Amino acid sequence: MAKLNNKNAQGVSLPATRAAVEVTGLDAAIIAALVTKGTLAKAAAVSTRTIETWANERRISVVRLGKRCVRFHLPTVMAELRRCTVEAVK
């Protein structure tokens, strides 16, 4: 779980409003898997504009961290893209 840490890397205490959050365990793994649209575009071998289109059409999941800050959970999105696979006809 997240644990509040009121000191920065040099050990200097931070004001309560600027407390850093130490993330461990499963939360850390999830955060590590969040990628930008550029990284996702490279992983999916498409353009960033295609990623934007898919996100706007809700074809892929989006994590909105703010008004302009958007990230994608890579394992989830890749699973969603695999579901779009059409099998060959024999």
N, C-alpha and C. Protein backbone atom coordinates (compact mmCIF):
# COMPACT_ATOMS: atom_id res chain seq x y z
N MET A 1 0.83 -1.18 0.00
CA MET A 1 0.00 0.00 0.00
C MET A 1 0.87 1.25 0.00
N ALA A 2 0.29 2.41 -0.29
CA ALA A 2 1.02 3.66 -0.29
C ALA A 2 1.28 4.12 1.13
N LYS A 3 2.50 4.63 1.34
CA LYS A 3 2.89 5.09 2.66
C LYS A 3 3.45 6.49 2.51
N LEU A 4 2.97 7.44 3.32
CA LEU A 4 3.45 8.81 3.22
C LEU A 4 4.88 8.90 3.71
N ASN A 5 5.67 9.68 2.98
CA ASN A 5 7.06 9.91 3.33
C ASN A 5 7.29 11.40 3.28
N ASN A 6 7.53 12.04 4.42
CA ASN A 6 7.65 13.48 4.48
C ASN A 6 9.07 13.97 4.28
N LYS A 7 9.99 13.14 3.75
CA LYS A 7 11.36 13.55 3.51
C LYS A 7 11.71 13.28 2.05
N ASN A 8 12.53 14.19 1.49
CA ASN A 8 12.98 13.97 0.12
C ASN A 8 14.19 13.06 0.11
N ALA A 9 14.83 12.86 -1.05
CA ALA A 9 15.94 11.93 -1.18
C ALA A 9 17.13 12.31 -0.31
N GLN A 10 17.30 13.61 -0.01
CA GLN A 10 18.41 14.06 0.82
C GLN A 10 18.07 14.02 2.30
N GLY A 11 16.88 13.58 2.66
CA GLY A 11 16.47 13.49 4.05
C GLY A 11 15.90 14.77 4.62
N VAL A 12 15.66 15.77 3.77
CA VAL A 12 15.10 17.04 4.22
C VAL A 12 13.59 16.91 4.32
N SER A 13 13.03 17.35 5.45
CA SER A 13 11.58 17.26 5.65
C SER A 13 10.85 18.17 4.68
N LEU A 14 9.74 17.67 4.17
CA LEU A 14 8.91 18.43 3.24
C LEU A 14 7.66 18.91 3.96
N PRO A 15 7.07 20.03 3.49
CA PRO A 15 5.80 20.45 4.06
C PRO A 15 4.75 19.37 3.84
N ALA A 16 3.74 19.31 4.68
CA ALA A 16 2.71 18.27 4.62
C ALA A 16 2.01 18.24 3.27
N THR A 17 1.83 19.39 2.62
CA THR A 17 1.13 19.43 1.34
C THR A 17 1.98 18.87 0.21
N ARG A 18 3.28 18.79 0.39
CA ARG A 18 4.18 18.30 -0.65
C ARG A 18 4.78 16.94 -0.30
N ALA A 19 4.12 16.18 0.54
CA ALA A 19 4.63 14.89 0.97
C ALA A 19 4.69 13.92 -0.21
N ALA A 20 5.81 13.27 -0.34
CA ALA A 20 5.97 12.26 -1.40
C ALA A 20 5.27 10.99 -0.96
N VAL A 21 4.79 10.23 -1.91
CA VAL A 21 4.12 8.98 -1.60
C VAL A 21 5.03 7.83 -2.05
N GLU A 22 5.37 6.96 -1.13
CA GLU A 22 6.17 5.79 -1.45
C GLU A 22 5.21 4.68 -1.86
N VAL A 23 5.40 4.16 -3.05
CA VAL A 23 4.50 3.14 -3.58
C VAL A 23 5.24 1.81 -3.59
N THR A 24 4.61 0.78 -3.06
CA THR A 24 5.25 -0.53 -3.01
C THR A 24 4.30 -1.61 -3.51
N GLY A 25 4.83 -2.79 -3.75
CA GLY A 25 4.02 -3.95 -4.10
C GLY A 25 3.29 -3.83 -5.41
N LEU A 26 2.04 -4.25 -5.40
CA LEU A 26 1.23 -4.30 -6.61
C LEU A 26 1.04 -2.91 -7.21
N ASP A 27 0.87 -1.88 -6.37
CA ASP A 27 0.70 -0.52 -6.88
C ASP A 27 1.91 -0.10 -7.71
N ALA A 28 3.11 -0.45 -7.25
CA ALA A 28 4.33 -0.11 -7.98
C ALA A 28 4.36 -0.79 -9.33
N ALA A 29 3.92 -2.03 -9.39
CA ALA A 29 3.90 -2.76 -10.65
C ALA A 29 2.92 -2.14 -11.63
N ILE A 30 1.78 -1.70 -11.14
CA ILE A 30 0.77 -1.07 -12.00
C ILE A 30 1.29 0.25 -12.52
N ILE A 31 1.89 1.06 -11.64
CA ILE A 31 2.42 2.36 -12.06
C ILE A 31 3.55 2.18 -13.06
N ALA A 32 4.38 1.17 -12.86
CA ALA A 32 5.49 0.92 -13.78
C ALA A 32 4.99 0.54 -15.17
N ALA A 33 3.80 -0.03 -15.26
CA ALA A 33 3.24 -0.46 -16.54
C ALA A 33 2.48 0.66 -17.25
N LEU A 34 2.36 1.84 -16.64
CA LEU A 34 1.71 2.97 -17.29
C LEU A 34 2.68 3.60 -18.28
N VAL A 35 2.24 3.77 -19.51
CA VAL A 35 3.11 4.31 -20.55
C VAL A 35 2.45 5.49 -21.25
N THR A 36 3.26 6.28 -21.91
CA THR A 36 2.75 7.41 -22.68
C THR A 36 2.22 6.93 -24.02
N LYS A 37 1.57 7.82 -24.74
CA LYS A 37 1.01 7.43 -26.03
C LYS A 37 2.12 7.13 -27.03
N GLY A 38 3.25 7.81 -26.92
CA GLY A 38 4.38 7.53 -27.80
C GLY A 38 4.95 6.14 -27.60
N THR A 39 5.11 5.75 -26.33
CA THR A 39 5.61 4.41 -26.02
C THR A 39 4.62 3.34 -26.48
N LEU A 40 3.35 3.58 -26.25
CA LEU A 40 2.33 2.63 -26.69
C LEU A 40 2.31 2.52 -28.21
N ALA A 41 2.46 3.64 -28.90
CA ALA A 41 2.47 3.62 -30.37
C ALA A 41 3.63 2.76 -30.88
N LYS A 42 4.79 2.87 -30.24
CA LYS A 42 5.93 2.04 -30.66
C LYS A 42 5.65 0.56 -30.39
N ALA A 43 5.06 0.26 -29.23
CA ALA A 43 4.77 -1.13 -28.87
C ALA A 43 3.74 -1.75 -29.82
N ALA A 44 2.79 -0.95 -30.28
CA ALA A 44 1.73 -1.45 -31.17
C ALA A 44 2.07 -1.26 -32.65
N ALA A 45 3.21 -0.62 -32.93
CA ALA A 45 3.67 -0.37 -34.30
C ALA A 45 2.66 0.45 -35.10
N VAL A 46 2.13 1.51 -34.46
CA VAL A 46 1.21 2.44 -35.13
C VAL A 46 1.64 3.86 -34.78
N SER A 47 0.98 4.84 -35.36
CA SER A 47 1.31 6.23 -35.08
C SER A 47 0.64 6.70 -33.79
N THR A 48 1.15 7.80 -33.24
CA THR A 48 0.53 8.37 -32.03
C THR A 48 -0.88 8.87 -32.34
N ARG A 49 -1.09 9.30 -33.56
CA ARG A 49 -2.44 9.76 -33.95
C ARG A 49 -3.42 8.59 -33.92
N THR A 50 -2.98 7.41 -34.30
CA THR A 50 -3.84 6.22 -34.24
C THR A 50 -4.20 5.91 -32.79
N ILE A 51 -3.22 6.04 -31.89
CA ILE A 51 -3.48 5.82 -30.47
C ILE A 51 -4.53 6.82 -29.98
N GLU A 52 -4.39 8.09 -30.37
CA GLU A 52 -5.37 9.11 -29.99
C GLU A 52 -6.76 8.75 -30.51
N THR A 53 -6.84 8.32 -31.75
CA THR A 53 -8.12 7.94 -32.35
C THR A 53 -8.75 6.78 -31.61
N TRP A 54 -7.96 5.73 -31.35
CA TRP A 54 -8.48 4.57 -30.62
C TRP A 54 -8.96 4.96 -29.23
N ALA A 55 -8.23 5.85 -28.56
CA ALA A 55 -8.63 6.29 -27.22
C ALA A 55 -9.93 7.09 -27.28
N ASN A 56 -10.03 7.98 -28.27
CA ASN A 56 -11.25 8.79 -28.42
C ASN A 56 -12.46 7.93 -28.78
N GLU A 57 -12.23 6.87 -29.56
CA GLU A 57 -13.32 5.95 -29.93
C GLU A 57 -13.56 4.90 -28.85
N ARG A 58 -12.78 4.95 -27.76
CA ARG A 58 -12.87 4.02 -26.63
C ARG A 58 -12.60 2.58 -27.05
N ARG A 59 -11.73 2.40 -28.01
CA ARG A 59 -11.30 1.05 -28.40
C ARG A 59 -10.27 0.52 -27.41
N ILE A 60 -9.51 1.44 -26.80
CA ILE A 60 -8.50 1.06 -25.82
C ILE A 60 -8.73 1.84 -24.52
N SER A 61 -8.29 1.25 -23.41
CA SER A 61 -8.47 1.87 -22.10
C SER A 61 -7.47 3.00 -21.89
N VAL A 62 -7.90 4.02 -21.18
CA VAL A 62 -7.08 5.19 -20.91
C VAL A 62 -7.10 5.48 -19.42
N VAL A 63 -5.95 5.88 -18.89
CA VAL A 63 -5.87 6.34 -17.49
C VAL A 63 -5.65 7.84 -17.55
N ARG A 64 -6.67 8.60 -17.14
CA ARG A 64 -6.57 10.05 -17.16
C ARG A 64 -6.12 10.54 -15.79
N LEU A 65 -4.89 11.05 -15.72
CA LEU A 65 -4.33 11.53 -14.46
C LEU A 65 -4.59 13.01 -14.24
N GLY A 66 -5.05 13.67 -15.25
CA GLY A 66 -5.36 15.10 -15.18
C GLY A 66 -6.02 15.50 -16.48
N LYS A 67 -6.21 16.80 -16.65
CA LYS A 67 -6.89 17.27 -17.85
C LYS A 67 -6.09 16.94 -19.12
N ARG A 68 -4.76 17.07 -19.04
CA ARG A 68 -3.92 16.82 -20.20
C ARG A 68 -2.97 15.65 -20.03
N CYS A 69 -2.95 15.05 -18.87
CA CYS A 69 -2.02 13.94 -18.58
C CYS A 69 -2.74 12.61 -18.75
N VAL A 70 -2.38 11.91 -19.82
CA VAL A 70 -3.03 10.64 -20.16
C VAL A 70 -1.96 9.56 -20.22
N ARG A 71 -2.24 8.42 -19.62
CA ARG A 71 -1.34 7.27 -19.67
C ARG A 71 -2.15 6.04 -20.04
N PHE A 72 -1.44 5.00 -20.45
CA PHE A 72 -2.08 3.77 -20.86
C PHE A 72 -1.45 2.63 -20.09
N HIS A 73 -2.26 1.69 -19.59
CA HIS A 73 -1.75 0.51 -18.90
C HIS A 73 -1.41 -0.50 -19.98
N LEU A 74 -0.12 -0.67 -20.23
CA LEU A 74 0.35 -1.45 -21.37
C LEU A 74 -0.21 -2.87 -21.43
N PRO A 75 -0.17 -3.66 -20.36
CA PRO A 75 -0.73 -5.02 -20.47
C PRO A 75 -2.21 -5.05 -20.83
N THR A 76 -2.99 -4.12 -20.28
CA THR A 76 -4.42 -4.07 -20.56
C THR A 76 -4.68 -3.71 -22.02
N VAL A 77 -3.98 -2.70 -22.51
CA VAL A 77 -4.19 -2.26 -23.89
C VAL A 77 -3.76 -3.34 -24.88
N MET A 78 -2.63 -4.00 -24.61
CA MET A 78 -2.19 -5.05 -25.52
C MET A 78 -3.18 -6.21 -25.53
N ALA A 79 -3.79 -6.52 -24.39
CA ALA A 79 -4.82 -7.56 -24.33
C ALA A 79 -6.04 -7.14 -25.14
N GLU A 80 -6.41 -5.86 -25.04
CA GLU A 80 -7.56 -5.36 -25.82
C GLU A 80 -7.27 -5.44 -27.32
N LEU A 81 -6.04 -5.16 -27.71
CA LEU A 81 -5.69 -5.23 -29.13
C LEU A 81 -5.67 -6.68 -29.61
N ARG A 82 -5.25 -7.62 -28.75
CA ARG A 82 -5.26 -9.04 -29.13
C ARG A 82 -6.68 -9.53 -29.37
N ARG A 83 -7.65 -8.97 -28.62
CA ARG A 83 -9.05 -9.37 -28.80
C ARG A 83 -9.58 -8.95 -30.17
N CYS A 84 -8.92 -7.99 -30.83
CA CYS A 84 -9.35 -7.52 -32.14
C CYS A 84 -8.82 -8.39 -33.28
N THR A 85 -8.04 -9.41 -32.94
CA THR A 85 -7.44 -10.29 -33.94
C THR A 85 -8.51 -11.11 -34.64
N VAL A 86 -8.42 -11.17 -35.95
CA VAL A 86 -9.33 -11.96 -36.76
C VAL A 86 -8.58 -13.20 -37.23
N GLU A 87 -9.10 -14.37 -36.95
CA GLU A 87 -8.46 -15.63 -37.31
C GLU A 87 -8.57 -15.86 -38.82
N ALA A 88 -7.57 -16.49 -39.37
CA ALA A 88 -7.55 -16.81 -40.81
C ALA A 88 -8.56 -17.93 -41.09
N VAL A 89 -9.13 -17.89 -42.28
CA VAL A 89 -10.07 -18.92 -42.72
C VAL A 89 -9.28 -19.99 -43.45
N LYS A 90 -9.55 -21.26 -43.14
CA LYS A 90 -8.83 -22.36 -43.77
C LYS A 90 -9.38 -22.67 -45.14
